[in-house]
C-alpha cells in the first residue's frame, strides 16, 4: 500500500472503533454533537478523532469501549425505549 500511494509506510490501529450518530433530523436540531460528546465523556470514553457532516457525527474511540458507547448513546438519544 505504501508504494501505491508514494509514502514510506502505512500504519494502522486494530484497537480503535468508530461510533456514529446519523440522521437527517440533525440538520434542524442543535445540540446533537454536544449530547454525543457529553454522553461519552460521562462514561470516561476518550474521543480520539471526530468527523462530521450535515447528517452524521462520527467519533473514533478505543475498541474496548465500543459496546458501552453504543449502549449509552442509544439511551441518550431514546433509541432503547419501547413505543
N, C-alpha and C. Protein backbone atom coordinates (compact mmCIF):
# COMPACT_ATOMS: atom_id res chain seq x y z
N UNK A 1 0.82 -1.18 0.00
CA UNK A 1 0.00 0.00 0.00
C UNK A 1 0.87 1.26 0.00
N UNK A 2 1.94 1.25 0.76
CA UNK A 2 2.81 2.42 0.84
C UNK A 2 3.36 2.80 -0.53
N UNK A 3 3.79 1.81 -1.30
CA UNK A 3 4.33 2.08 -2.64
C UNK A 3 3.25 2.68 -3.55
N UNK A 4 2.01 2.17 -3.42
CA UNK A 4 0.91 2.65 -4.26
C UNK A 4 0.63 4.13 -4.05
N UNK A 5 0.74 4.59 -2.82
CA UNK A 5 0.42 6.00 -2.55
C UNK A 5 1.68 6.87 -2.42
N UNK A 6 2.84 6.26 -2.60
CA UNK A 6 4.08 7.02 -2.63
C UNK A 6 4.57 7.51 -1.28
N UNK A 7 4.51 6.66 -0.29
CA UNK A 7 4.99 7.02 1.05
C UNK A 7 5.88 5.91 1.59
N UNK A 8 6.57 6.18 2.68
CA UNK A 8 7.46 5.18 3.26
C UNK A 8 6.71 4.03 3.90
N UNK A 9 5.64 4.34 4.66
CA UNK A 9 4.91 3.30 5.35
C UNK A 9 3.46 3.73 5.61
N UNK A 10 2.63 2.74 5.86
CA UNK A 10 1.24 2.97 6.22
C UNK A 10 1.03 2.30 7.57
N UNK A 11 0.51 3.03 8.52
CA UNK A 11 0.27 2.49 9.85
C UNK A 11 -1.23 2.30 10.08
N UNK A 12 -1.57 1.31 10.85
CA UNK A 12 -2.96 1.05 11.19
C UNK A 12 -3.08 0.75 12.67
N UNK A 13 -4.29 0.81 13.17
CA UNK A 13 -4.54 0.52 14.58
C UNK A 13 -5.80 -0.34 14.67
N UNK A 14 -5.63 -1.60 15.08
CA UNK A 14 -6.77 -2.52 15.19
C UNK A 14 -7.52 -2.34 16.50
N UNK A 15 -7.05 -1.45 17.36
CA UNK A 15 -7.65 -1.27 18.68
C UNK A 15 -8.53 -0.04 18.76
N UNK A 16 -9.06 0.41 17.62
CA UNK A 16 -9.96 1.55 17.60
C UNK A 16 -11.27 1.15 16.94
N UNK A 17 -12.30 1.95 17.21
CA UNK A 17 -13.61 1.72 16.61
C UNK A 17 -14.24 3.07 16.30
N UNK A 18 -15.17 3.04 15.36
CA UNK A 18 -15.90 4.26 15.01
C UNK A 18 -17.35 4.09 15.44
N UNK A 19 -17.84 5.06 16.20
CA UNK A 19 -19.26 5.11 16.54
C UNK A 19 -19.83 6.39 15.93
N UNK A 20 -21.03 6.27 15.38
CA UNK A 20 -21.63 7.40 14.67
C UNK A 20 -23.06 7.62 15.11
N UNK A 21 -23.48 8.87 15.05
CA UNK A 21 -24.87 9.26 15.19
C UNK A 21 -25.26 9.79 13.81
N UNK A 22 -26.31 9.21 13.24
CA UNK A 22 -26.69 9.53 11.87
C UNK A 22 -28.18 9.83 11.80
N UNK A 23 -28.54 10.88 11.05
CA UNK A 23 -29.94 11.17 10.81
C UNK A 23 -30.15 12.52 10.16
N UNK A 24 -31.10 12.59 9.24
CA UNK A 24 -31.37 13.85 8.56
C UNK A 24 -31.94 14.89 9.51
N UNK A 25 -32.52 14.47 10.62
CA UNK A 25 -33.07 15.40 11.60
C UNK A 25 -32.02 16.26 12.27
N UNK A 26 -30.75 15.88 12.14
CA UNK A 26 -29.68 16.66 12.76
C UNK A 26 -29.55 18.03 12.12
N UNK A 27 -30.01 18.17 10.89
CA UNK A 27 -29.94 19.47 10.22
C UNK A 27 -30.75 20.53 10.98
N UNK A 28 -31.83 20.10 11.60
CA UNK A 28 -32.76 21.03 12.26
C UNK A 28 -32.69 21.02 13.77
N UNK A 29 -31.92 20.11 14.35
CA UNK A 29 -31.84 20.00 15.81
C UNK A 29 -30.42 20.33 16.28
N UNK A 30 -30.29 21.41 17.01
CA UNK A 30 -28.99 21.74 17.57
C UNK A 30 -28.75 20.90 18.82
N UNK A 31 -27.51 20.71 19.18
CA UNK A 31 -27.17 20.02 20.41
C UNK A 31 -26.90 18.54 20.27
N UNK A 32 -27.01 17.99 19.05
CA UNK A 32 -26.77 16.56 18.88
C UNK A 32 -25.31 16.23 19.18
N UNK A 33 -24.40 17.01 18.65
CA UNK A 33 -22.97 16.77 18.90
C UNK A 33 -22.66 16.90 20.38
N UNK A 34 -23.20 17.92 21.00
CA UNK A 34 -22.98 18.12 22.42
C UNK A 34 -23.48 16.93 23.23
N UNK A 35 -24.66 16.42 22.89
CA UNK A 35 -25.20 15.28 23.61
C UNK A 35 -24.31 14.05 23.42
N UNK A 36 -23.83 13.85 22.21
CA UNK A 36 -22.96 12.70 21.95
C UNK A 36 -21.66 12.82 22.74
N UNK A 37 -21.02 13.97 22.66
CA UNK A 37 -19.74 14.16 23.34
C UNK A 37 -19.89 14.06 24.85
N UNK A 38 -20.93 14.69 25.40
CA UNK A 38 -21.16 14.64 26.85
C UNK A 38 -21.49 13.23 27.33
N UNK A 39 -22.25 12.49 26.54
CA UNK A 39 -22.60 11.12 26.90
C UNK A 39 -21.35 10.25 26.98
N UNK A 40 -20.48 10.37 25.99
CA UNK A 40 -19.24 9.60 26.01
C UNK A 40 -18.33 10.05 27.16
N UNK A 41 -18.27 11.34 27.40
CA UNK A 41 -17.42 11.87 28.48
C UNK A 41 -17.88 11.36 29.84
N UNK A 42 -19.19 11.28 30.07
CA UNK A 42 -19.71 10.79 31.35
C UNK A 42 -19.23 9.37 31.65
N UNK A 43 -18.97 8.61 30.59
CA UNK A 43 -18.50 7.23 30.76
C UNK A 43 -16.98 7.13 30.67
N UNK A 44 -16.31 8.30 30.66
CA UNK A 44 -14.85 8.35 30.54
C UNK A 44 -14.33 7.67 29.28
N UNK A 45 -15.10 7.81 28.19
CA UNK A 45 -14.69 7.28 26.89
C UNK A 45 -14.02 8.43 26.14
N UNK A 46 -12.73 8.29 25.92
CA UNK A 46 -11.96 9.32 25.24
C UNK A 46 -12.25 9.31 23.75
N UNK A 47 -12.53 10.49 23.19
CA UNK A 47 -12.72 10.62 21.76
C UNK A 47 -11.37 10.96 21.14
N UNK A 48 -10.90 10.09 20.28
CA UNK A 48 -9.59 10.24 19.67
C UNK A 48 -9.64 11.09 18.40
N UNK A 49 -10.79 11.05 17.72
CA UNK A 49 -10.96 11.81 16.49
C UNK A 49 -12.45 12.02 16.25
N UNK A 50 -12.81 13.15 15.64
CA UNK A 50 -14.20 13.48 15.32
C UNK A 50 -14.29 13.82 13.85
N UNK A 51 -15.34 13.31 13.22
CA UNK A 51 -15.63 13.65 11.82
C UNK A 51 -17.12 13.99 11.74
N UNK A 52 -17.45 15.04 10.99
CA UNK A 52 -18.85 15.44 10.91
C UNK A 52 -19.26 15.71 9.46
N UNK A 53 -20.55 15.62 9.24
CA UNK A 53 -21.18 16.06 8.00
C UNK A 53 -22.54 16.62 8.40
N UNK A 54 -23.35 16.98 7.43
CA UNK A 54 -24.67 17.54 7.75
C UNK A 54 -25.55 16.55 8.50
N UNK A 55 -25.39 15.26 8.22
CA UNK A 55 -26.28 14.26 8.81
C UNK A 55 -25.56 13.19 9.63
N UNK A 56 -24.26 13.38 9.92
CA UNK A 56 -23.53 12.36 10.67
C UNK A 56 -22.45 12.98 11.53
N UNK A 57 -22.31 12.43 12.74
CA UNK A 57 -21.19 12.74 13.63
C UNK A 57 -20.54 11.41 13.97
N UNK A 58 -19.27 11.26 13.67
CA UNK A 58 -18.54 10.03 13.96
C UNK A 58 -17.39 10.32 14.90
N UNK A 59 -17.18 9.40 15.83
CA UNK A 59 -16.08 9.51 16.79
C UNK A 59 -15.26 8.23 16.76
N UNK A 60 -13.95 8.40 16.78
CA UNK A 60 -13.05 7.26 16.92
C UNK A 60 -12.74 7.12 18.40
N UNK A 61 -12.94 5.91 18.92
CA UNK A 61 -12.71 5.61 20.33
C UNK A 61 -11.89 4.33 20.43
N UNK A 62 -11.45 4.00 21.65
CA UNK A 62 -10.77 2.73 21.86
C UNK A 62 -11.78 1.61 21.67
N UNK A 63 -11.36 0.56 20.97
CA UNK A 63 -12.25 -0.56 20.63
C UNK A 63 -12.89 -1.19 21.87
N UNK A 64 -12.17 -1.23 22.97
CA UNK A 64 -12.71 -1.89 24.16
C UNK A 64 -13.95 -1.19 24.73
N UNK A 65 -14.21 0.05 24.31
CA UNK A 65 -15.38 0.79 24.80
C UNK A 65 -16.55 0.79 23.81
N UNK A 66 -16.44 0.04 22.71
CA UNK A 66 -17.46 0.09 21.67
C UNK A 66 -18.85 -0.26 22.18
N UNK A 67 -18.98 -1.39 22.84
CA UNK A 67 -20.30 -1.82 23.31
C UNK A 67 -20.89 -0.82 24.30
N UNK A 68 -20.09 -0.35 25.23
CA UNK A 68 -20.55 0.64 26.20
C UNK A 68 -20.99 1.92 25.49
N UNK A 69 -20.19 2.38 24.54
CA UNK A 69 -20.52 3.61 23.81
C UNK A 69 -21.85 3.49 23.08
N UNK A 70 -22.04 2.39 22.39
CA UNK A 70 -23.29 2.19 21.65
C UNK A 70 -24.47 2.15 22.62
N UNK A 71 -24.32 1.44 23.72
CA UNK A 71 -25.40 1.32 24.70
C UNK A 71 -25.79 2.67 25.29
N UNK A 72 -24.80 3.46 25.73
CA UNK A 72 -25.13 4.74 26.37
C UNK A 72 -25.64 5.76 25.35
N UNK A 73 -25.16 5.70 24.11
CA UNK A 73 -25.68 6.60 23.08
C UNK A 73 -27.11 6.25 22.71
N UNK A 74 -27.43 4.96 22.63
CA UNK A 74 -28.81 4.56 22.39
C UNK A 74 -29.73 5.11 23.47
N UNK A 75 -29.30 5.00 24.71
CA UNK A 75 -30.11 5.52 25.81
C UNK A 75 -30.23 7.03 25.75
N UNK A 76 -29.13 7.71 25.52
CA UNK A 76 -29.13 9.18 25.48
C UNK A 76 -30.07 9.73 24.41
N UNK A 77 -30.15 9.05 23.28
CA UNK A 77 -30.99 9.52 22.18
C UNK A 77 -32.36 8.85 22.16
N UNK A 78 -32.68 8.10 23.21
CA UNK A 78 -34.01 7.49 23.34
C UNK A 78 -34.28 6.37 22.38
N UNK A 79 -33.24 5.70 21.90
CA UNK A 79 -33.43 4.63 20.94
C UNK A 79 -33.72 3.26 21.57
N UNK A 80 -33.61 3.19 22.88
CA UNK A 80 -33.87 1.93 23.56
C UNK A 80 -35.25 1.89 24.21
N UNK A 81 -36.05 2.93 23.96
CA UNK A 81 -37.41 2.99 24.51
C UNK A 81 -38.39 2.23 23.64
N UNK A 82 -39.28 1.52 24.29
CA UNK A 82 -40.36 0.84 23.55
C UNK A 82 -41.53 1.80 23.40
N UNK A 83 -42.13 1.77 22.22
CA UNK A 83 -43.28 2.65 21.97
C UNK A 83 -44.56 2.15 22.58
